[in-house]
Amino acid sequence: MDALRIQNQAYLTLTELQEQKKAADKMLKRAIASILADMQDSINDQMKAYNDTLFAEPHKPPVLQFNDYNSYRFETPDDTGTGSNFKGMIIFDLAILALTDLPAIAHDSLILKNISDGSIDGIMKIYNQSEKQIFIAFDKQDSYGPQTRKILYDNRVLQLSDDERELYGESWNIGVINPDENQL
């Protein structure tokens, strides 16, 4: 009889613990959904604010949507072009930089050269207004407007070019190939 009572109590305890676990899982899922919704709203608001400064007429901003804690969608509605995708990525990076303690971001010329000139002008203004560090590699600055050129000139730390203005003073891809160096 005692053994049956102990088994019965163990079963009741197990059932109670399982119910508590289910309740805790539901609370966790609600908390995660709430946190993700807050993050999504903050990021989307900041991206919209940045996007609105890039153009004279309204353009759709990039949108981040968390589907679950491990799934998201990021797009600019009705615009799947390469330039729009890269612009969206930069605006996302800038929003994260503004909204977090992240101290710096870096953007390479490969990303920037695929974006329209007008958007680049606006992005440069956002870069210039940031109080945090932003590192960029930028090609062909003379192809852009005077305001963008001035921002680049005033904020440059290092400018590389041909004619002994290469990093470390020489071009590394010019020279005679030593056949012994090409063997694996």
N, C-alpha and C. Protein backbone atom coordinates (compact mmCIF):
# COMPACT_ATOMS: atom_id res chain seq x y z
N MET A 1 0.82 -1.19 0.00
CA MET A 1 0.00 0.00 0.00
C MET A 1 0.87 1.26 0.00
N ASP A 2 1.94 1.25 0.84
CA ASP A 2 2.85 2.40 0.91
C ASP A 2 3.54 2.62 -0.44
N ALA A 3 3.93 1.54 -1.09
CA ALA A 3 4.60 1.65 -2.40
C ALA A 3 3.67 2.28 -3.43
N LEU A 4 2.40 1.90 -3.40
CA LEU A 4 1.43 2.49 -4.34
C LEU A 4 1.22 3.97 -4.05
N ARG A 5 1.15 4.33 -2.74
CA ARG A 5 1.01 5.74 -2.38
C ARG A 5 2.20 6.56 -2.86
N ILE A 6 3.41 6.04 -2.72
CA ILE A 6 4.63 6.73 -3.16
C ILE A 6 4.62 6.88 -4.68
N GLN A 7 4.24 5.82 -5.39
CA GLN A 7 4.17 5.89 -6.85
C GLN A 7 3.12 6.92 -7.29
N ASN A 8 1.99 6.92 -6.62
CA ASN A 8 0.91 7.86 -6.94
C ASN A 8 1.39 9.30 -6.68
N GLN A 9 2.08 9.54 -5.57
CA GLN A 9 2.58 10.87 -5.26
C GLN A 9 3.63 11.30 -6.30
N ALA A 10 4.49 10.37 -6.68
CA ALA A 10 5.50 10.67 -7.69
C ALA A 10 4.84 11.04 -9.02
N TYR A 11 3.78 10.33 -9.38
CA TYR A 11 3.05 10.63 -10.61
C TYR A 11 2.41 12.02 -10.53
N LEU A 12 1.81 12.35 -9.40
CA LEU A 12 1.18 13.67 -9.24
C LEU A 12 2.23 14.79 -9.29
N THR A 13 3.39 14.54 -8.67
CA THR A 13 4.48 15.53 -8.71
C THR A 13 4.98 15.72 -10.14
N LEU A 14 5.15 14.61 -10.86
CA LEU A 14 5.60 14.69 -12.26
C LEU A 14 4.59 15.47 -13.10
N THR A 15 3.32 15.18 -12.93
CA THR A 15 2.27 15.87 -13.68
C THR A 15 2.29 17.37 -13.37
N GLU A 16 2.45 17.73 -12.09
CA GLU A 16 2.50 19.14 -11.70
C GLU A 16 3.72 19.84 -12.31
N LEU A 17 4.85 19.17 -12.26
CA LEU A 17 6.07 19.74 -12.85
C LEU A 17 5.94 19.92 -14.36
N GLN A 18 5.31 18.98 -15.03
CA GLN A 18 5.10 19.10 -16.47
C GLN A 18 4.20 20.29 -16.79
N GLU A 19 3.16 20.49 -15.98
CA GLU A 19 2.27 21.63 -16.19
C GLU A 19 3.00 22.95 -15.93
N GLN A 20 3.84 22.98 -14.89
CA GLN A 20 4.63 24.18 -14.61
C GLN A 20 5.61 24.47 -15.74
N LYS A 21 6.19 23.41 -16.31
CA LYS A 21 7.12 23.59 -17.43
C LYS A 21 6.38 24.16 -18.64
N LYS A 22 5.19 23.65 -18.93
CA LYS A 22 4.39 24.17 -20.04
C LYS A 22 4.06 25.64 -19.83
N ALA A 23 3.69 26.00 -18.61
CA ALA A 23 3.36 27.40 -18.30
C ALA A 23 4.60 28.29 -18.45
N ALA A 24 5.75 27.80 -17.98
CA ALA A 24 7.00 28.56 -18.09
C ALA A 24 7.39 28.73 -19.56
N ASP A 25 7.22 27.68 -20.37
CA ASP A 25 7.52 27.76 -21.81
C ASP A 25 6.63 28.80 -22.48
N LYS A 26 5.34 28.83 -22.12
CA LYS A 26 4.43 29.83 -22.70
C LYS A 26 4.85 31.24 -22.31
N MET A 27 5.22 31.42 -21.05
CA MET A 27 5.67 32.74 -20.59
C MET A 27 6.94 33.16 -21.32
N LEU A 28 7.86 32.23 -21.50
CA LEU A 28 9.10 32.53 -22.20
C LEU A 28 8.82 32.93 -23.65
N LYS A 29 7.97 32.18 -24.32
CA LYS A 29 7.63 32.50 -25.71
C LYS A 29 6.97 33.87 -25.82
N ARG A 30 6.08 34.21 -24.87
CA ARG A 30 5.44 35.53 -24.88
C ARG A 30 6.48 36.63 -24.64
N ALA A 31 7.40 36.39 -23.70
CA ALA A 31 8.44 37.38 -23.40
C ALA A 31 9.35 37.59 -24.61
N ILE A 32 9.75 36.50 -25.26
CA ILE A 32 10.60 36.60 -26.45
C ILE A 32 9.86 37.35 -27.55
N ALA A 33 8.60 37.02 -27.77
CA ALA A 33 7.81 37.70 -28.81
C ALA A 33 7.70 39.19 -28.51
N SER A 34 7.50 39.55 -27.26
CA SER A 34 7.38 40.95 -26.87
C SER A 34 8.70 41.70 -27.07
N ILE A 35 9.79 41.08 -26.66
CA ILE A 35 11.12 41.70 -26.83
C ILE A 35 11.43 41.87 -28.31
N LEU A 36 11.18 40.84 -29.11
CA LEU A 36 11.45 40.93 -30.55
C LEU A 36 10.58 41.99 -31.20
N ALA A 37 9.33 42.11 -30.79
CA ALA A 37 8.44 43.13 -31.35
C ALA A 37 8.96 44.52 -31.01
N ASP A 38 9.42 44.72 -29.78
CA ASP A 38 9.99 46.02 -29.39
C ASP A 38 11.25 46.33 -30.21
N MET A 39 12.12 45.33 -30.35
CA MET A 39 13.34 45.52 -31.14
C MET A 39 12.99 45.83 -32.59
N GLN A 40 12.08 45.07 -33.15
CA GLN A 40 11.66 45.25 -34.54
C GLN A 40 11.12 46.67 -34.74
N ASP A 41 10.26 47.13 -33.85
CA ASP A 41 9.68 48.47 -33.98
C ASP A 41 10.76 49.55 -33.89
N SER A 42 11.68 49.42 -32.93
CA SER A 42 12.75 50.42 -32.77
C SER A 42 13.64 50.47 -34.00
N ILE A 43 14.04 49.31 -34.49
CA ILE A 43 14.92 49.24 -35.66
C ILE A 43 14.20 49.80 -36.88
N ASN A 44 12.96 49.38 -37.10
CA ASN A 44 12.21 49.85 -38.27
C ASN A 44 11.97 51.36 -38.21
N ASP A 45 11.69 51.89 -37.02
CA ASP A 45 11.49 53.34 -36.88
C ASP A 45 12.77 54.10 -37.22
N GLN A 46 13.90 53.60 -36.73
CA GLN A 46 15.18 54.27 -37.00
C GLN A 46 15.55 54.15 -38.48
N MET A 47 15.31 52.99 -39.08
CA MET A 47 15.60 52.83 -40.51
C MET A 47 14.72 53.76 -41.34
N LYS A 48 13.46 53.91 -40.97
CA LYS A 48 12.57 54.81 -41.70
C LYS A 48 13.05 56.25 -41.59
N ALA A 49 13.47 56.64 -40.38
CA ALA A 49 13.97 58.00 -40.18
C ALA A 49 15.20 58.25 -41.06
N TYR A 50 16.12 57.32 -41.10
CA TYR A 50 17.31 57.47 -41.95
C TYR A 50 16.92 57.48 -43.42
N ASN A 51 16.07 56.55 -43.82
CA ASN A 51 15.66 56.44 -45.23
C ASN A 51 14.98 57.73 -45.69
N ASP A 52 14.16 58.33 -44.82
CA ASP A 52 13.46 59.56 -45.18
C ASP A 52 14.42 60.71 -45.44
N THR A 53 15.62 60.67 -44.87
CA THR A 53 16.58 61.75 -45.10
C THR A 53 17.33 61.58 -46.42
N LEU A 54 17.24 60.43 -47.04
CA LEU A 54 18.00 60.16 -48.26
C LEU A 54 17.36 60.73 -49.52
N PHE A 55 16.07 60.96 -49.49
CA PHE A 55 15.35 61.31 -50.72
C PHE A 55 14.45 62.52 -50.52
N ALA A 56 14.28 63.29 -51.57
CA ALA A 56 13.37 64.44 -51.52
C ALA A 56 11.91 63.96 -51.48
N GLU A 57 11.61 62.92 -52.26
CA GLU A 57 10.26 62.35 -52.26
C GLU A 57 10.27 61.04 -51.47
N PRO A 58 9.14 60.65 -50.92
CA PRO A 58 9.10 59.43 -50.08
C PRO A 58 9.50 58.17 -50.86
N HIS A 59 10.34 57.37 -50.23
CA HIS A 59 10.71 56.05 -50.73
C HIS A 59 10.45 55.05 -49.61
N LYS A 60 10.10 53.83 -49.99
CA LYS A 60 9.85 52.80 -48.99
C LYS A 60 11.16 52.44 -48.30
N PRO A 61 11.14 52.42 -46.97
CA PRO A 61 12.36 52.04 -46.25
C PRO A 61 12.49 50.53 -46.16
N PRO A 62 13.68 50.07 -45.83
CA PRO A 62 13.82 48.64 -45.56
C PRO A 62 13.02 48.28 -44.31
N VAL A 63 12.58 47.03 -44.25
CA VAL A 63 11.75 46.57 -43.14
C VAL A 63 12.32 45.26 -42.61
N LEU A 64 12.44 45.20 -41.29
CA LEU A 64 12.86 43.97 -40.61
C LEU A 64 11.63 43.38 -39.94
N GLN A 65 11.42 42.09 -40.15
CA GLN A 65 10.29 41.40 -39.51
C GLN A 65 10.80 40.11 -38.89
N PHE A 66 10.67 40.02 -37.56
CA PHE A 66 11.01 38.78 -36.88
C PHE A 66 9.80 37.86 -36.96
N ASN A 67 10.01 36.68 -37.51
CA ASN A 67 8.94 35.69 -37.60
C ASN A 67 8.90 34.83 -36.35
N ASP A 68 10.03 34.64 -35.73
CA ASP A 68 10.18 33.83 -34.54
C ASP A 68 11.55 34.19 -33.97
N TYR A 69 11.93 33.59 -32.87
CA TYR A 69 13.21 33.94 -32.27
C TYR A 69 14.39 33.55 -33.17
N ASN A 70 14.18 32.66 -34.10
CA ASN A 70 15.27 32.19 -34.95
C ASN A 70 14.97 32.38 -36.44
N SER A 71 14.08 33.31 -36.76
CA SER A 71 13.69 33.51 -38.15
C SER A 71 13.30 34.96 -38.37
N TYR A 72 13.76 35.52 -39.47
CA TYR A 72 13.42 36.91 -39.78
C TYR A 72 13.33 37.10 -41.28
N ARG A 73 12.77 38.23 -41.68
CA ARG A 73 12.74 38.65 -43.08
C ARG A 73 13.20 40.10 -43.12
N PHE A 74 14.09 40.41 -44.05
CA PHE A 74 14.59 41.77 -44.21
C PHE A 74 14.51 42.12 -45.68
N GLU A 75 13.78 43.19 -45.99
CA GLU A 75 13.61 43.57 -47.39
C GLU A 75 13.16 45.02 -47.48
N THR A 76 13.32 45.56 -48.67
CA THR A 76 12.70 46.83 -49.01
C THR A 76 11.49 46.46 -49.86
N PRO A 77 10.28 46.71 -49.35
CA PRO A 77 9.08 46.29 -50.09
C PRO A 77 9.05 46.83 -51.52
N ASP A 78 8.74 45.95 -52.44
CA ASP A 78 8.58 46.28 -53.86
C ASP A 78 9.87 46.74 -54.53
N ASP A 79 11.03 46.46 -53.92
CA ASP A 79 12.30 46.85 -54.54
C ASP A 79 13.35 45.83 -54.16
N THR A 80 13.64 44.92 -55.08
CA THR A 80 14.61 43.86 -54.82
C THR A 80 15.92 44.09 -55.55
N GLY A 81 16.15 45.32 -56.01
CA GLY A 81 17.38 45.62 -56.73
C GLY A 81 18.61 45.55 -55.85
N THR A 82 19.74 45.33 -56.49
CA THR A 82 21.01 45.23 -55.77
C THR A 82 21.31 46.50 -54.98
N GLY A 83 21.16 47.65 -55.62
CA GLY A 83 21.43 48.91 -54.95
C GLY A 83 20.54 49.12 -53.74
N SER A 84 19.27 48.79 -53.89
CA SER A 84 18.33 48.93 -52.79
C SER A 84 18.68 47.97 -51.65
N ASN A 85 19.10 46.77 -51.98
CA ASN A 85 19.49 45.81 -50.94
C ASN A 85 20.72 46.30 -50.16
N PHE A 86 21.71 46.82 -50.87
CA PHE A 86 22.90 47.33 -50.19
C PHE A 86 22.57 48.58 -49.38
N LYS A 87 21.73 49.45 -49.92
CA LYS A 87 21.30 50.64 -49.18
C LYS A 87 20.58 50.21 -47.91
N GLY A 88 19.72 49.22 -48.03
CA GLY A 88 19.01 48.72 -46.86
C GLY A 88 19.94 48.16 -45.81
N MET A 89 20.96 47.45 -46.24
CA MET A 89 21.92 46.89 -45.30
C MET A 89 22.67 48.00 -44.56
N ILE A 90 23.06 49.04 -45.29
CA ILE A 90 23.77 50.15 -44.65
C ILE A 90 22.85 50.87 -43.67
N ILE A 91 21.61 51.10 -44.07
CA ILE A 91 20.66 51.76 -43.17
C ILE A 91 20.41 50.90 -41.94
N PHE A 92 20.33 49.59 -42.12
CA PHE A 92 20.18 48.68 -40.97
C PHE A 92 21.39 48.81 -40.05
N ASP A 93 22.59 48.77 -40.61
CA ASP A 93 23.81 48.90 -39.80
C ASP A 93 23.80 50.22 -39.02
N LEU A 94 23.42 51.30 -39.69
CA LEU A 94 23.39 52.60 -39.03
C LEU A 94 22.34 52.64 -37.92
N ALA A 95 21.21 52.00 -38.14
CA ALA A 95 20.18 51.93 -37.10
C ALA A 95 20.69 51.16 -35.89
N ILE A 96 21.35 50.04 -36.12
CA ILE A 96 21.90 49.25 -35.02
C ILE A 96 22.97 50.04 -34.29
N LEU A 97 23.80 50.76 -35.04
CA LEU A 97 24.83 51.60 -34.44
C LEU A 97 24.19 52.65 -33.53
N ALA A 98 23.13 53.27 -34.00
CA ALA A 98 22.46 54.33 -33.23
C ALA A 98 21.72 53.78 -32.01
N LEU A 99 21.17 52.59 -32.10
CA LEU A 99 20.30 52.07 -31.05
C LEU A 99 21.01 51.22 -29.99
N THR A 100 22.28 50.91 -30.22
CA THR A 100 22.99 50.01 -29.31
C THR A 100 24.27 50.66 -28.82
N ASP A 101 25.00 49.94 -27.99
CA ASP A 101 26.30 50.41 -27.50
C ASP A 101 27.43 50.04 -28.46
N LEU A 102 27.08 49.51 -29.61
CA LEU A 102 28.10 49.18 -30.61
C LEU A 102 28.93 50.43 -30.88
N PRO A 103 30.26 50.35 -30.79
CA PRO A 103 31.07 51.56 -30.91
C PRO A 103 31.42 51.97 -32.35
N ALA A 104 31.32 51.03 -33.30
CA ALA A 104 31.77 51.35 -34.66
C ALA A 104 31.17 50.37 -35.66
N ILE A 105 31.15 50.80 -36.92
CA ILE A 105 30.82 49.92 -38.04
C ILE A 105 31.82 50.17 -39.15
N ALA A 106 31.87 49.26 -40.12
CA ALA A 106 32.75 49.40 -41.27
C ALA A 106 31.98 49.00 -42.52
N HIS A 107 32.13 49.80 -43.57
CA HIS A 107 31.51 49.50 -44.86
C HIS A 107 32.57 49.55 -45.93
N ASP A 108 32.56 48.57 -46.80
CA ASP A 108 33.54 48.47 -47.87
C ASP A 108 33.02 49.10 -49.15
N SER A 109 33.92 49.49 -50.00
CA SER A 109 33.55 50.14 -51.26
C SER A 109 32.69 49.24 -52.13
N LEU A 110 32.85 47.93 -52.01
CA LEU A 110 32.03 47.01 -52.79
C LEU A 110 30.55 47.22 -52.52
N ILE A 111 30.20 47.48 -51.28
CA ILE A 111 28.80 47.73 -50.92
C ILE A 111 28.36 49.10 -51.42
N LEU A 112 29.19 50.08 -51.19
CA LEU A 112 28.83 51.47 -51.50
C LEU A 112 28.70 51.73 -53.00
N LYS A 113 29.52 51.10 -53.81
CA LYS A 113 29.52 51.42 -55.24
C LYS A 113 28.27 50.92 -55.98
N ASN A 114 27.48 50.08 -55.33
CA ASN A 114 26.26 49.58 -55.94
C ASN A 114 25.03 50.42 -55.62
N ILE A 115 25.23 51.50 -54.88
CA ILE A 115 24.12 52.34 -54.43
C ILE A 115 24.07 53.60 -55.28
N SER A 116 22.87 54.11 -55.53
CA SER A 116 22.71 55.30 -56.37
C SER A 116 23.46 56.50 -55.76
N ASP A 117 23.87 57.41 -56.63
CA ASP A 117 24.63 58.58 -56.19
C ASP A 117 23.85 59.40 -55.17
N GLY A 118 22.56 59.59 -55.41
CA GLY A 118 21.74 60.36 -54.48
C GLY A 118 21.68 59.73 -53.11
N SER A 119 21.56 58.42 -53.08
CA SER A 119 21.54 57.72 -51.79
C SER A 119 22.89 57.82 -51.09
N ILE A 120 23.97 57.74 -51.87
CA ILE A 120 25.31 57.88 -51.28
C ILE A 120 25.46 59.25 -50.62
N ASP A 121 24.98 60.29 -51.30
CA ASP A 121 25.06 61.63 -50.71
C ASP A 121 24.35 61.66 -49.36
N GLY A 122 23.18 61.07 -49.28
CA GLY A 122 22.44 61.03 -48.02
C GLY A 122 23.11 60.17 -46.97
N ILE A 123 23.66 59.04 -47.38
CA ILE A 123 24.37 58.16 -46.44
C ILE A 123 25.58 58.87 -45.86
N MET A 124 26.29 59.61 -46.70
CA MET A 124 27.46 60.36 -46.23
C MET A 124 27.06 61.38 -45.17
N LYS A 125 25.90 62.01 -45.35
CA LYS A 125 25.42 62.97 -44.35
C LYS A 125 25.13 62.25 -43.02
N ILE A 126 24.54 61.07 -43.10
CA ILE A 126 24.27 60.30 -41.88
C ILE A 126 25.58 59.89 -41.22
N TYR A 127 26.53 59.40 -42.02
CA TYR A 127 27.85 59.06 -41.48
C TYR A 127 28.43 60.26 -40.74
N ASN A 128 28.36 61.42 -41.38
CA ASN A 128 28.96 62.64 -40.85
C ASN A 128 28.32 63.07 -39.54
N GLN A 129 27.04 62.77 -39.35
CA GLN A 129 26.34 63.18 -38.14
C GLN A 129 26.54 62.21 -36.97
N SER A 130 27.04 61.03 -37.25
CA SER A 130 27.20 60.03 -36.20
C SER A 130 28.30 60.45 -35.23
N GLU A 131 28.06 60.19 -33.96
CA GLU A 131 29.08 60.45 -32.95
C GLU A 131 29.96 59.23 -32.71
N LYS A 132 29.61 58.13 -33.35
CA LYS A 132 30.40 56.91 -33.23
C LYS A 132 31.30 56.77 -34.45
N GLN A 133 32.23 55.83 -34.37
CA GLN A 133 33.17 55.66 -35.47
C GLN A 133 32.57 54.84 -36.60
N ILE A 134 32.79 55.33 -37.81
CA ILE A 134 32.36 54.62 -39.02
C ILE A 134 33.57 54.58 -39.95
N PHE A 135 33.97 53.39 -40.30
CA PHE A 135 35.10 53.19 -41.20
C PHE A 135 34.55 52.81 -42.56
N ILE A 136 35.02 53.48 -43.60
CA ILE A 136 34.59 53.12 -44.95
C ILE A 136 35.79 53.05 -45.87
N ALA A 137 35.70 52.17 -46.83
CA ALA A 137 36.61 52.16 -47.97
C ALA A 137 35.77 52.72 -49.11
N PHE A 138 36.28 53.74 -49.76
CA PHE A 138 35.46 54.45 -50.75
C PHE A 138 36.29 54.72 -52.00
N ASP A 139 35.75 54.36 -53.14
CA ASP A 139 36.43 54.56 -54.42
C ASP A 139 35.76 55.69 -55.20
N LYS A 140 36.55 56.37 -55.99
CA LYS A 140 36.05 57.35 -56.95
C LYS A 140 35.22 58.46 -56.31
N GLN A 141 35.75 59.04 -55.25
CA GLN A 141 35.03 60.11 -54.57
C GLN A 141 34.80 61.32 -55.48
N ASP A 142 35.63 61.49 -56.50
CA ASP A 142 35.44 62.62 -57.41
C ASP A 142 34.21 62.46 -58.29
N SER A 143 33.61 61.29 -58.29
CA SER A 143 32.39 61.05 -59.08
C SER A 143 31.14 61.57 -58.39
N TYR A 144 31.26 62.02 -57.15
CA TYR A 144 30.10 62.43 -56.38
C TYR A 144 30.05 63.94 -56.23
N GLY A 145 28.96 64.42 -55.67
CA GLY A 145 28.74 65.85 -55.53
C GLY A 145 29.70 66.50 -54.55
N PRO A 146 29.74 67.82 -54.57
CA PRO A 146 30.69 68.55 -53.72
C PRO A 146 30.48 68.31 -52.23
N GLN A 147 29.24 68.13 -51.81
CA GLN A 147 28.98 67.91 -50.38
C GLN A 147 29.55 66.56 -49.93
N THR A 148 29.38 65.53 -50.75
CA THR A 148 29.92 64.21 -50.41
C THR A 148 31.45 64.27 -50.43
N ARG A 149 32.02 64.92 -51.43
CA ARG A 149 33.49 65.03 -51.50
C ARG A 149 34.04 65.76 -50.27
N LYS A 150 33.34 66.79 -49.82
CA LYS A 150 33.79 67.56 -48.65
C LYS A 150 33.71 66.69 -47.40
N ILE A 151 32.64 65.96 -47.23
CA ILE A 151 32.52 65.07 -46.07
C ILE A 151 33.66 64.05 -46.07
N LEU A 152 33.91 63.46 -47.23
CA LEU A 152 34.99 62.49 -47.33
C LEU A 152 36.35 63.13 -47.02
N TYR A 153 36.60 64.29 -47.60
CA TYR A 153 37.88 64.97 -47.41
C TYR A 153 38.07 65.38 -45.94
N ASP A 154 37.05 65.94 -45.33
CA ASP A 154 37.14 66.43 -43.95
C ASP A 154 37.30 65.30 -42.94
N ASN A 155 36.83 64.11 -43.26
CA ASN A 155 36.83 63.01 -42.30
C ASN A 155 37.83 61.90 -42.60
N ARG A 156 38.56 62.03 -43.67
CA ARG A 156 39.48 60.95 -44.03
C ARG A 156 40.61 60.85 -43.01
N VAL A 157 41.02 59.64 -42.79
CA VAL A 157 42.15 59.38 -41.92
C VAL A 157 43.31 58.83 -42.74
N LEU A 158 42.97 58.05 -43.73
CA LEU A 158 43.96 57.43 -44.60
C LEU A 158 43.41 57.44 -46.01
N GLN A 159 44.23 57.92 -46.94
CA GLN A 159 43.81 57.92 -48.34
C GLN A 159 44.88 57.23 -49.15
N LEU A 160 44.49 56.17 -49.82
CA LEU A 160 45.42 55.37 -50.63
C LEU A 160 45.17 55.64 -52.10
N SER A 161 46.24 55.57 -52.89
CA SER A 161 46.12 55.71 -54.34
C SER A 161 47.41 55.19 -54.97
N ASP A 162 47.48 55.27 -56.28
CA ASP A 162 48.69 54.86 -56.99
C ASP A 162 49.79 55.89 -56.76
N ASP A 163 50.93 55.64 -57.37
CA ASP A 163 52.06 56.58 -57.35
C ASP A 163 52.58 56.81 -55.93
N GLU A 164 52.99 55.71 -55.30
CA GLU A 164 53.61 55.73 -53.98
C GLU A 164 52.68 56.16 -52.85
N ARG A 165 51.38 56.09 -53.07
CA ARG A 165 50.41 56.34 -51.99
C ARG A 165 49.70 55.04 -51.62
N GLU A 166 50.36 53.91 -51.92
CA GLU A 166 49.82 52.61 -51.56
C GLU A 166 50.11 52.36 -50.07
N LEU A 167 49.37 51.44 -49.51
CA LEU A 167 49.62 51.06 -48.13
C LEU A 167 51.04 50.50 -48.02
N TYR A 168 51.81 50.97 -47.08
CA TYR A 168 53.22 50.61 -46.89
C TYR A 168 54.10 51.07 -48.05
N GLY A 169 53.64 51.99 -48.87
CA GLY A 169 54.48 52.63 -49.86
C GLY A 169 54.72 51.90 -51.17
N GLU A 170 54.14 50.74 -51.36
CA GLU A 170 54.36 50.03 -52.62
C GLU A 170 53.16 49.17 -52.97
N SER A 171 53.01 48.94 -54.27
CA SER A 171 51.95 48.07 -54.75
C SER A 171 52.43 46.64 -54.64
N TRP A 172 51.64 45.81 -54.03
CA TRP A 172 52.05 44.44 -53.77
C TRP A 172 51.79 43.51 -54.94
N ASN A 173 51.05 43.96 -55.93
CA ASN A 173 50.71 43.07 -57.04
C ASN A 173 51.53 43.36 -58.29
N ILE A 174 52.57 44.16 -58.18
CA ILE A 174 53.43 44.46 -59.32
C ILE A 174 54.80 43.87 -59.05
N GLY A 175 55.37 43.22 -60.06
CA GLY A 175 56.71 42.69 -59.89
C GLY A 175 56.91 41.41 -60.67
N VAL A 176 58.10 40.91 -60.59
CA VAL A 176 58.48 39.70 -61.29
C VAL A 176 58.07 38.50 -60.43
N ILE A 177 57.52 37.51 -61.11
CA ILE A 177 57.09 36.30 -60.41
C ILE A 177 58.29 35.36 -60.31
N ASN A 178 58.59 34.95 -59.12
CA ASN A 178 59.64 33.98 -58.88
C ASN A 178 58.99 32.60 -58.97
N PRO A 179 59.44 31.75 -59.89
CA PRO A 179 58.80 30.44 -60.07
C PRO A 179 58.82 29.59 -58.80
N ASP A 180 59.81 29.76 -57.95
CA ASP A 180 59.89 28.97 -56.72
C ASP A 180 58.78 29.36 -55.74
N GLU A 181 58.32 30.59 -55.77
CA GLU A 181 57.28 31.06 -54.85
C GLU A 181 55.89 30.53 -55.23
N ASN A 182 55.70 30.10 -56.49
CA ASN A 182 54.40 29.64 -56.94
C ASN A 182 54.17 28.17 -56.70
N GLN A 183 55.13 27.49 -56.13
CA GLN A 183 54.95 26.05 -55.87
C GLN A 183 54.32 25.86 -54.51
N LEU A 184 53.45 24.86 -54.43
CA LEU A 184 52.79 24.56 -53.17
C LEU A 184 53.60 23.66 -52.31
